Amino acid sequence: MATKPVDFRKGHDGLAALVQSALAEDPFTGTVFVFRSKRADRMKILFWDDSGLVMAYKRLEESRFTWPTREWTKHGGRHR
């Protein structure tokens, strides 16, 4: 999960490149990667399904996504 907002103009290839460069992960393993927009009202999910990259997009009309802090994700999603 990316804890900082990303440029939402990025598509499949741009997000896959970001996974490799910023997160030092392989986007072609089936791992699900989640990204949010700066306003936190939009989210993109990227994963590999053995035949290609899949990208899902969600936009909230009247609210914002609650996003974990960097500290939270650094500990594997567990609060300490």
PDB file of N, CA and C in Angstrom:
ATOM      1  N   MET A   1       0.848  -1.170   0.000  1.00  0.00           N
ATOM      2  CA  MET A   1       0.000   0.000   0.000  1.00  0.00           C
ATOM      3  C   MET A   1       0.896   1.236   0.000  1.00  0.00           C
ATOM      4  N   ALA A   2       0.665   2.090  -0.955  1.00  0.00           N
ATOM      5  CA  ALA A   2       1.412   3.345  -1.014  1.00  0.00           C
ATOM      6  C   ALA A   2       0.801   4.326  -0.013  1.00  0.00           C
ATOM      7  N   THR A   3       1.619   4.865   0.862  1.00  0.00           N
ATOM      8  CA  THR A   3       1.081   5.754   1.894  1.00  0.00           C
ATOM      9  C   THR A   3       1.034   7.210   1.449  1.00  0.00           C
ATOM     10  N   LYS A   4       1.740   7.528   0.373  1.00  0.00           N
ATOM     11  CA  LYS A   4       1.698   8.891  -0.166  1.00  0.00           C
ATOM     12  C   LYS A   4       0.835   8.908  -1.423  1.00  0.00           C
ATOM     13  N   PRO A   5       0.175  10.021  -1.696  1.00  0.00           N
ATOM     14  CA  PRO A   5      -0.635  10.113  -2.920  1.00  0.00           C
ATOM     15  C   PRO A   5       0.226   9.970  -4.168  1.00  0.00           C
ATOM     16  N   VAL A   6      -0.380   9.454  -5.242  1.00  0.00           N
ATOM     17  CA  VAL A   6       0.322   9.308  -6.521  1.00  0.00           C
ATOM     18  C   VAL A   6      -0.367  10.145  -7.588  1.00  0.00           C
ATOM     19  N   ASP A   7       0.337  10.394  -8.669  1.00  0.00           N
ATOM     20  CA  ASP A   7      -0.209  11.109  -9.821  1.00  0.00           C
ATOM     21  C   ASP A   7      -1.261  10.215 -10.481  1.00  0.00           C
ATOM     22  N   PHE A   8      -2.507  10.611 -10.421  1.00  0.00           N
ATOM     23  CA  PHE A   8      -3.588   9.760 -10.909  1.00  0.00           C
ATOM     24  C   PHE A   8      -3.717   9.762 -12.425  1.00  0.00           C
ATOM     25  N   ARG A   9      -2.831  10.449 -13.123  1.00  0.00           N
ATOM     26  CA  ARG A   9      -2.791  10.328 -14.579  1.00  0.00           C
ATOM     27  C   ARG A   9      -2.076   9.050 -14.985  1.00  0.00           C
ATOM     28  N   LYS A  10      -1.384   8.414 -14.049  1.00  0.00           N
ATOM     29  CA  LYS A  10      -0.665   7.175 -14.353  1.00  0.00           C
ATOM     30  C   LYS A  10      -1.647   6.042 -14.614  1.00  0.00           C
ATOM     31  N   GLY A  11      -1.329   5.264 -15.629  1.00  0.00           N
ATOM     32  CA  GLY A  11      -2.115   4.082 -15.958  1.00  0.00           C
ATOM     33  C   GLY A  11      -1.411   2.823 -15.486  1.00  0.00           C
ATOM     34  N   HIS A  12      -1.746   1.689 -16.124  1.00  0.00           N
ATOM     35  CA  HIS A  12      -1.174   0.391 -15.755  1.00  0.00           C
ATOM     36  C   HIS A  12       0.352   0.431 -15.718  1.00  0.00           C
ATOM     37  N   ASP A  13       0.955   0.848 -16.809  1.00  0.00           N
ATOM     38  CA  ASP A  13       2.417   0.812 -16.919  1.00  0.00           C
ATOM     39  C   ASP A  13       3.092   1.802 -15.973  1.00  0.00           C
ATOM     40  N   GLY A  14       2.520   2.986 -15.828  1.00  0.00           N
ATOM     41  CA  GLY A  14       3.090   3.987 -14.929  1.00  0.00           C
ATOM     42  C   GLY A  14       3.053   3.545 -13.480  1.00  0.00           C
ATOM     43  N   LEU A  15       1.938   2.933 -13.073  1.00  0.00           N
ATOM     44  CA  LEU A  15       1.842   2.443 -11.693  1.00  0.00           C
ATOM     45  C   LEU A  15       2.761   1.239 -11.473  1.00  0.00           C
ATOM     46  N   ALA A  16       2.877   0.367 -12.482  1.00  0.00           N
ATOM     47  CA  ALA A  16       3.789  -0.778 -12.360  1.00  0.00           C
ATOM     48  C   ALA A  16       5.227  -0.291 -12.217  1.00  0.00           C
ATOM     49  N   ALA A  17       5.600   0.743 -12.968  1.00  0.00           N
ATOM     50  CA  ALA A  17       6.944   1.311 -12.848  1.00  0.00           C
ATOM     51  C   ALA A  17       7.149   1.924 -11.465  1.00  0.00           C
ATOM     52  N   LEU A  18       6.114   2.555 -10.931  1.00  0.00           N
ATOM     53  CA  LEU A  18       6.189   3.143  -9.592  1.00  0.00           C
ATOM     54  C   LEU A  18       6.364   2.050  -8.533  1.00  0.00           C
ATOM     55  N   VAL A  19       5.668   0.945  -8.689  1.00  0.00           N
ATOM     56  CA  VAL A  19       5.822  -0.188  -7.764  1.00  0.00           C
ATOM     57  C   VAL A  19       7.277  -0.648  -7.749  1.00  0.00           C
ATOM     58  N   GLN A  20       7.875  -0.738  -8.927  1.00  0.00           N
ATOM     59  CA  GLN A  20       9.264  -1.201  -9.018  1.00  0.00           C
ATOM     60  C   GLN A  20      10.244  -0.177  -8.446  1.00  0.00           C
ATOM     61  N   SER A  21      10.063   1.101  -8.793  1.00  0.00           N
ATOM     62  CA  SER A  21      11.056   2.104  -8.394  1.00  0.00           C
ATOM     63  C   SER A  21      10.874   2.599  -6.960  1.00  0.00           C
ATOM     64  N   ALA A  22       9.654   2.931  -6.571  1.00  0.00           N
ATOM     65  CA  ALA A  22       9.433   3.529  -5.252  1.00  0.00           C
ATOM     66  C   ALA A  22       9.238   2.501  -4.145  1.00  0.00           C
ATOM     67  N   LEU A  23       8.599   1.392  -4.470  1.00  0.00           N
ATOM     68  CA  LEU A  23       8.319   0.382  -3.449  1.00  0.00           C
ATOM     69  C   LEU A  23       9.303  -0.789  -3.485  1.00  0.00           C
ATOM     70  N   ALA A  24      10.130  -0.855  -4.526  1.00  0.00           N
ATOM     71  CA  ALA A  24      11.097  -1.948  -4.705  1.00  0.00           C
ATOM     72  C   ALA A  24      10.412  -3.314  -4.660  1.00  0.00           C
ATOM     73  N   GLU A  25       9.274  -3.396  -5.338  1.00  0.00           N
ATOM     74  CA  GLU A  25       8.498  -4.639  -5.409  1.00  0.00           C
ATOM     75  C   GLU A  25       8.310  -5.029  -6.867  1.00  0.00           C
ATOM     76  N   ASP A  26       7.929  -6.274  -7.109  1.00  0.00           N
ATOM     77  CA  ASP A  26       7.652  -6.774  -8.443  1.00  0.00           C
ATOM     78  C   ASP A  26       6.142  -6.740  -8.674  1.00  0.00           C
ATOM     79  N   PRO A  27       5.646  -5.925  -9.611  1.00  0.00           N
ATOM     80  CA  PRO A  27       4.201  -5.822  -9.830  1.00  0.00           C
ATOM     81  C   PRO A  27       3.609  -7.028 -10.565  1.00  0.00           C
ATOM     82  N   PHE A  28       4.423  -7.984 -10.972  1.00  0.00           N
ATOM     83  CA  PHE A  28       3.948  -9.119 -11.767  1.00  0.00           C
ATOM     84  C   PHE A  28       3.898 -10.420 -10.970  1.00  0.00           C
ATOM     85  N   THR A  29       3.682 -10.324  -9.668  1.00  0.00           N
ATOM     86  CA  THR A  29       3.653 -11.508  -8.804  1.00  0.00           C
ATOM     87  C   THR A  29       2.253 -11.867  -8.312  1.00  0.00           C
ATOM     88  N   GLY A  30       1.274 -11.016  -8.571  1.00  0.00           N
ATOM     89  CA  GLY A  30      -0.066 -11.243  -8.043  1.00  0.00           C
ATOM     90  C   GLY A  30      -0.352 -10.453  -6.782  1.00  0.00           C
ATOM     91  N   THR A  31       0.662  -9.783  -6.256  1.00  0.00           N
ATOM     92  CA  THR A  31       0.471  -8.927  -5.085  1.00  0.00           C
ATOM     93  C   THR A  31      -0.440  -7.765  -5.470  1.00  0.00           C
ATOM     94  N   VAL A  32      -1.335  -7.386  -4.587  1.00  0.00           N
ATOM     95  CA  VAL A  32      -2.251  -6.274  -4.836  1.00  0.00           C
ATOM     96  C   VAL A  32      -1.623  -4.990  -4.292  1.00  0.00           C
ATOM     97  N   PHE A  33      -1.557  -3.961  -5.142  1.00  0.00           N
ATOM     98  CA  PHE A  33      -1.013  -2.660  -4.775  1.00  0.00           C
ATOM     99  C   PHE A  33      -2.129  -1.631  -4.811  1.00  0.00           C
ATOM    100  N   VAL A  34      -2.207  -0.826  -3.757  1.00  0.00           N
ATOM    101  CA  VAL A  34      -3.291   0.152  -3.610  1.00  0.00           C
ATOM    102  C   VAL A  34      -2.689   1.553  -3.571  1.00  0.00           C
ATOM    103  N   PHE A  35      -3.272   2.456  -4.359  1.00  0.00           N
ATOM    104  CA  PHE A  35      -2.806   3.836  -4.464  1.00  0.00           C
ATOM    105  C   PHE A  35      -3.980   4.776  -4.241  1.00  0.00           C
ATOM    106  N   ARG A  36      -3.691   5.972  -3.701  1.00  0.00           N
ATOM    107  CA  ARG A  36      -4.770   6.960  -3.523  1.00  0.00           C
ATOM    108  C   ARG A  36      -4.390   8.273  -4.172  1.00  0.00           C
ATOM    109  N   SER A  37      -5.405   9.059  -4.450  1.00  0.00           N
ATOM    110  CA  SER A  37      -5.192  10.388  -5.014  1.00  0.00           C
ATOM    111  C   SER A  37      -4.864  11.380  -3.903  1.00  0.00           C
ATOM    112  N   LYS A  38      -4.432  12.562  -4.299  1.00  0.00           N
ATOM    113  CA  LYS A  38      -4.055  13.593  -3.326  1.00  0.00           C
ATOM    114  C   LYS A  38      -5.222  13.978  -2.418  1.00  0.00           C
ATOM    115  N   ARG A  39      -6.428  14.077  -2.975  1.00  0.00           N
ATOM    116  CA  ARG A  39      -7.604  14.464  -2.183  1.00  0.00           C
ATOM    117  C   ARG A  39      -8.197  13.298  -1.394  1.00  0.00           C
ATOM    118  N   ALA A  40      -7.667  12.103  -1.602  1.00  0.00           N
ATOM    119  CA  ALA A  40      -8.110  10.878  -0.903  1.00  0.00           C
ATOM    120  C   ALA A  40      -9.555  10.511  -1.209  1.00  0.00           C
ATOM    121  N   ASP A  41     -10.070  10.993  -2.339  1.00  0.00           N
ATOM    122  CA  ASP A  41     -11.424  10.598  -2.733  1.00  0.00           C
ATOM    123  C   ASP A  41     -11.400   9.571  -3.860  1.00  0.00           C
ATOM    124  N   ARG A  42     -10.195   9.193  -4.303  1.00  0.00           N
ATOM    125  CA  ARG A  42     -10.034   8.226  -5.380  1.00  0.00           C
ATOM    126  C   ARG A  42      -8.964   7.213  -5.008  1.00  0.00           C
ATOM    127  N   MET A  43      -9.176   5.987  -5.509  1.00  0.00           N
ATOM    128  CA  MET A  43      -8.255   4.907  -5.218  1.00  0.00           C
ATOM    129  C   MET A  43      -8.076   4.057  -6.472  1.00  0.00           C
ATOM    130  N   LYS A  44      -6.849   3.604  -6.717  1.00  0.00           N
ATOM    131  CA  LYS A  44      -6.566   2.651  -7.786  1.00  0.00           C
ATOM    132  C   LYS A  44      -5.932   1.419  -7.182  1.00  0.00           C
ATOM    133  N   ILE A  45      -6.349   0.276  -7.692  1.00  0.00           N
ATOM    134  CA  ILE A  45      -5.807  -1.008  -7.254  1.00  0.00           C
ATOM    135  C   ILE A  45      -5.170  -1.660  -8.472  1.00  0.00           C
ATOM    136  N   LEU A  46      -3.952  -2.140  -8.317  1.00  0.00           N
ATOM    137  CA  LEU A  46      -3.212  -2.751  -9.421  1.00  0.00           C
ATOM    138  C   LEU A  46      -2.747  -4.134  -9.002  1.00  0.00           C
ATOM    139  N   PHE A  47      -2.954  -5.127  -9.893  1.00  0.00           N
ATOM    140  CA  PHE A  47      -2.424  -6.463  -9.639  1.00  0.00           C
ATOM    141  C   PHE A  47      -2.285  -7.223 -10.956  1.00  0.00           C
ATOM    142  N   TRP A  48      -1.474  -8.254 -10.928  1.00  0.00           N
ATOM    143  CA  TRP A  48      -1.225  -9.127 -12.070  1.00  0.00           C
ATOM    144  C   TRP A  48      -2.083 -10.371 -11.903  1.00  0.00           C
ATOM    145  N   ASP A  49      -2.813 -10.769 -12.974  1.00  0.00           N
ATOM    146  CA  ASP A  49      -3.690 -11.946 -12.872  1.00  0.00           C
ATOM    147  C   ASP A  49      -3.242 -13.102 -13.773  1.00  0.00           C
ATOM    148  N   ASP A  50      -1.967 -13.222 -14.054  1.00  0.00           N
ATOM    149  CA  ASP A  50      -1.354 -14.255 -14.899  1.00  0.00           C
ATOM    150  C   ASP A  50      -1.604 -14.073 -16.389  1.00  0.00           C
ATOM    151  N   SER A  51      -2.410 -13.083 -16.778  1.00  0.00           N
ATOM    152  CA  SER A  51      -2.580 -12.802 -18.204  1.00  0.00           C
ATOM    153  C   SER A  51      -2.349 -11.330 -18.520  1.00  0.00           C
ATOM    154  N   GLY A  52      -2.212 -10.496 -17.477  1.00  0.00           N
ATOM    155  CA  GLY A  52      -1.969  -9.078 -17.682  1.00  0.00           C
ATOM    156  C   GLY A  52      -2.214  -8.297 -16.400  1.00  0.00           C
ATOM    157  N   LEU A  53      -1.892  -7.019 -16.460  1.00  0.00           N
ATOM    158  CA  LEU A  53      -2.141  -6.140 -15.317  1.00  0.00           C
ATOM    159  C   LEU A  53      -3.612  -5.752 -15.272  1.00  0.00           C
ATOM    160  N   VAL A  54      -4.172  -5.777 -14.082  1.00  0.00           N
ATOM    161  CA  VAL A  54      -5.559  -5.359 -13.852  1.00  0.00           C
ATOM    162  C   VAL A  54      -5.514  -4.103 -13.004  1.00  0.00           C
ATOM    163  N   MET A  55      -6.288  -3.087 -13.403  1.00  0.00           N
ATOM    164  CA  MET A  55      -6.360  -1.856 -12.623  1.00  0.00           C
ATOM    165  C   MET A  55      -7.834  -1.547 -12.358  1.00  0.00           C
ATOM    166  N   ALA A  56      -8.154  -1.410 -11.091  1.00  0.00           N
ATOM    167  CA  ALA A  56      -9.506  -1.018 -10.677  1.00  0.00           C
ATOM    168  C   ALA A  56      -9.445   0.401 -10.143  1.00  0.00           C
ATOM    169  N   TYR A  57     -10.520   1.148 -10.340  1.00  0.00           N
ATOM    170  CA  TYR A  57     -10.564   2.559  -9.967  1.00  0.00           C
ATOM    171  C   TYR A  57     -11.857   2.814  -9.195  1.00  0.00           C
ATOM    172  N   LYS A  58     -11.757   3.511  -8.090  1.00  0.00           N
ATOM    173  CA  LYS A  58     -12.934   3.842  -7.279  1.00  0.00           C
ATOM    174  C   LYS A  58     -12.904   5.317  -6.951  1.00  0.00           C
ATOM    175  N   ARG A  59     -14.040   6.008  -7.144  1.00  0.00           N
ATOM    176  CA  ARG A  59     -14.158   7.417  -6.802  1.00  0.00           C
ATOM    177  C   ARG A  59     -15.334   7.577  -5.837  1.00  0.00           C
ATOM    178  N   LEU A  60     -15.076   8.201  -4.700  1.00  0.00           N
ATOM    179  CA  LEU A  60     -16.125   8.480  -3.730  1.00  0.00           C
ATOM    180  C   LEU A  60     -16.746   9.830  -4.046  1.00  0.00           C
ATOM    181  N   GLU A  61     -18.039   9.919  -3.966  1.00  0.00           N
ATOM    182  CA  GLU A  61     -18.743  11.154  -4.291  1.00  0.00           C
ATOM    183  C   GLU A  61     -18.821  12.140  -3.134  1.00  0.00           C
ATOM    184  N   GLU A  62     -18.990  11.634  -1.902  1.00  0.00           N
ATOM    185  CA  GLU A  62     -19.240  12.546  -0.787  1.00  0.00           C
ATOM    186  C   GLU A  62     -18.351  12.322   0.430  1.00  0.00           C
ATOM    187  N   SER A  63     -17.316  11.532   0.290  1.00  0.00           N
ATOM    188  CA  SER A  63     -16.456  11.298   1.454  1.00  0.00           C
ATOM    189  C   SER A  63     -15.031  11.056   0.985  1.00  0.00           C
ATOM    190  N   ARG A  64     -14.170  10.673   1.916  1.00  0.00           N
ATOM    191  CA  ARG A  64     -12.761  10.427   1.643  1.00  0.00           C
ATOM    192  C   ARG A  64     -12.371   9.069   2.213  1.00  0.00           C
ATOM    193  N   PHE A  65     -11.385   8.447   1.588  1.00  0.00           N
ATOM    194  CA  PHE A  65     -10.840   7.215   2.128  1.00  0.00           C
ATOM    195  C   PHE A  65      -9.991   7.535   3.351  1.00  0.00           C
ATOM    196  N   THR A  66     -10.072   6.705   4.368  1.00  0.00           N
ATOM    197  CA  THR A  66      -9.184   6.814   5.517  1.00  0.00           C
ATOM    198  C   THR A  66      -7.961   5.990   5.181  1.00  0.00           C
ATOM    199  N   TRP A  67      -6.807   6.610   5.250  1.00  0.00           N
ATOM    200  CA  TRP A  67      -5.576   5.970   4.799  1.00  0.00           C
ATOM    201  C   TRP A  67      -4.645   5.730   5.971  1.00  0.00           C
ATOM    202  N   PRO A  68      -4.019   4.561   6.041  1.00  0.00           N
ATOM    203  CA  PRO A  68      -3.087   4.298   7.147  1.00  0.00           C
ATOM    204  C   PRO A  68      -1.849   5.183   7.031  1.00  0.00           C
ATOM    205  N   THR A  69      -1.220   5.403   8.139  1.00  0.00           N
ATOM    206  CA  THR A  69       0.018   6.179   8.161  1.00  0.00           C
ATOM    207  C   THR A  69       1.181   5.297   7.725  1.00  0.00           C
ATOM    208  N   ARG A  70       2.295   5.915   7.437  1.00  0.00           N
ATOM    209  CA  ARG A  70       3.499   5.170   7.051  1.00  0.00           C
ATOM    210  C   ARG A  70       3.937   4.254   8.190  1.00  0.00           C
ATOM    211  N   GLU A  71       3.816   4.709   9.412  1.00  0.00           N
ATOM    212  CA  GLU A  71       4.202   3.914  10.580  1.00  0.00           C
ATOM    213  C   GLU A  71       3.377   2.631  10.662  1.00  0.00           C
ATOM    214  N   TRP A  72       2.096   2.736  10.350  1.00  0.00           N
ATOM    215  CA  TRP A  72       1.195   1.589  10.402  1.00  0.00           C
ATOM    216  C   TRP A  72       1.601   0.539   9.372  1.00  0.00           C
ATOM    217  N   THR A  73       1.888   0.957   8.137  1.00  0.00           N
ATOM    218  CA  THR A  73       2.236  -0.010   7.096  1.00  0.00           C
ATOM    219  C   THR A  73       3.633  -0.574   7.284  1.00  0.00           C
ATOM    220  N   LYS A  74       4.526   0.186   7.934  1.00  0.00           N
ATOM    221  CA  LYS A  74       5.885  -0.291   8.164  1.00  0.00           C
ATOM    222  C   LYS A  74       5.879  -1.520   9.072  1.00  0.00           C
ATOM    223  N   HIS A  75       4.880  -1.668   9.897  1.00  0.00           N
ATOM    224  CA  HIS A  75       4.786  -2.794  10.820  1.00  0.00           C
ATOM    225  C   HIS A  75       3.836  -3.865  10.316  1.00  0.00           C
ATOM    226  N   GLY A  76       3.663  -3.937   9.002  1.00  0.00           N
ATOM    227  CA  GLY A  76       2.842  -4.990   8.421  1.00  0.00           C
ATOM    228  C   GLY A  76       1.360  -4.824   8.686  1.00  0.00           C
ATOM    229  N   GLY A  77       0.896  -3.610   8.871  1.00  0.00           N
ATOM    230  CA  GLY A  77      -0.526  -3.379   9.091  1.00  0.00           C
ATOM    231  C   GLY A  77      -0.966  -3.566  10.524  1.00  0.00           C
ATOM    232  N   ARG A  78      -0.020  -3.671  11.431  1.00  0.00           N
ATOM    233  CA  ARG A  78      -0.367  -3.836  12.841  1.00  0.00           C
ATOM    234  C   ARG A  78      -0.071  -2.555  13.588  1.00  0.00           C
ATOM    235  N   HIS A  79      -0.987  -2.148  14.417  1.00  0.00           N
ATOM    236  CA  HIS A  79      -0.756  -0.953  15.241  1.00  0.00           C
ATOM    237  C   HIS A  79       0.184  -1.314  16.382  1.00  0.00           C
ATOM    238  N   ARG A  80       1.124  -0.410  16.651  1.00  0.00           N
ATOM    239  CA  ARG A  80       2.057  -0.641  17.760  1.00  0.00           C
ATOM    240  C   ARG A  80       2.026   0.538  18.684  1.00  0.00           C
TER     241      ARG A  80
END
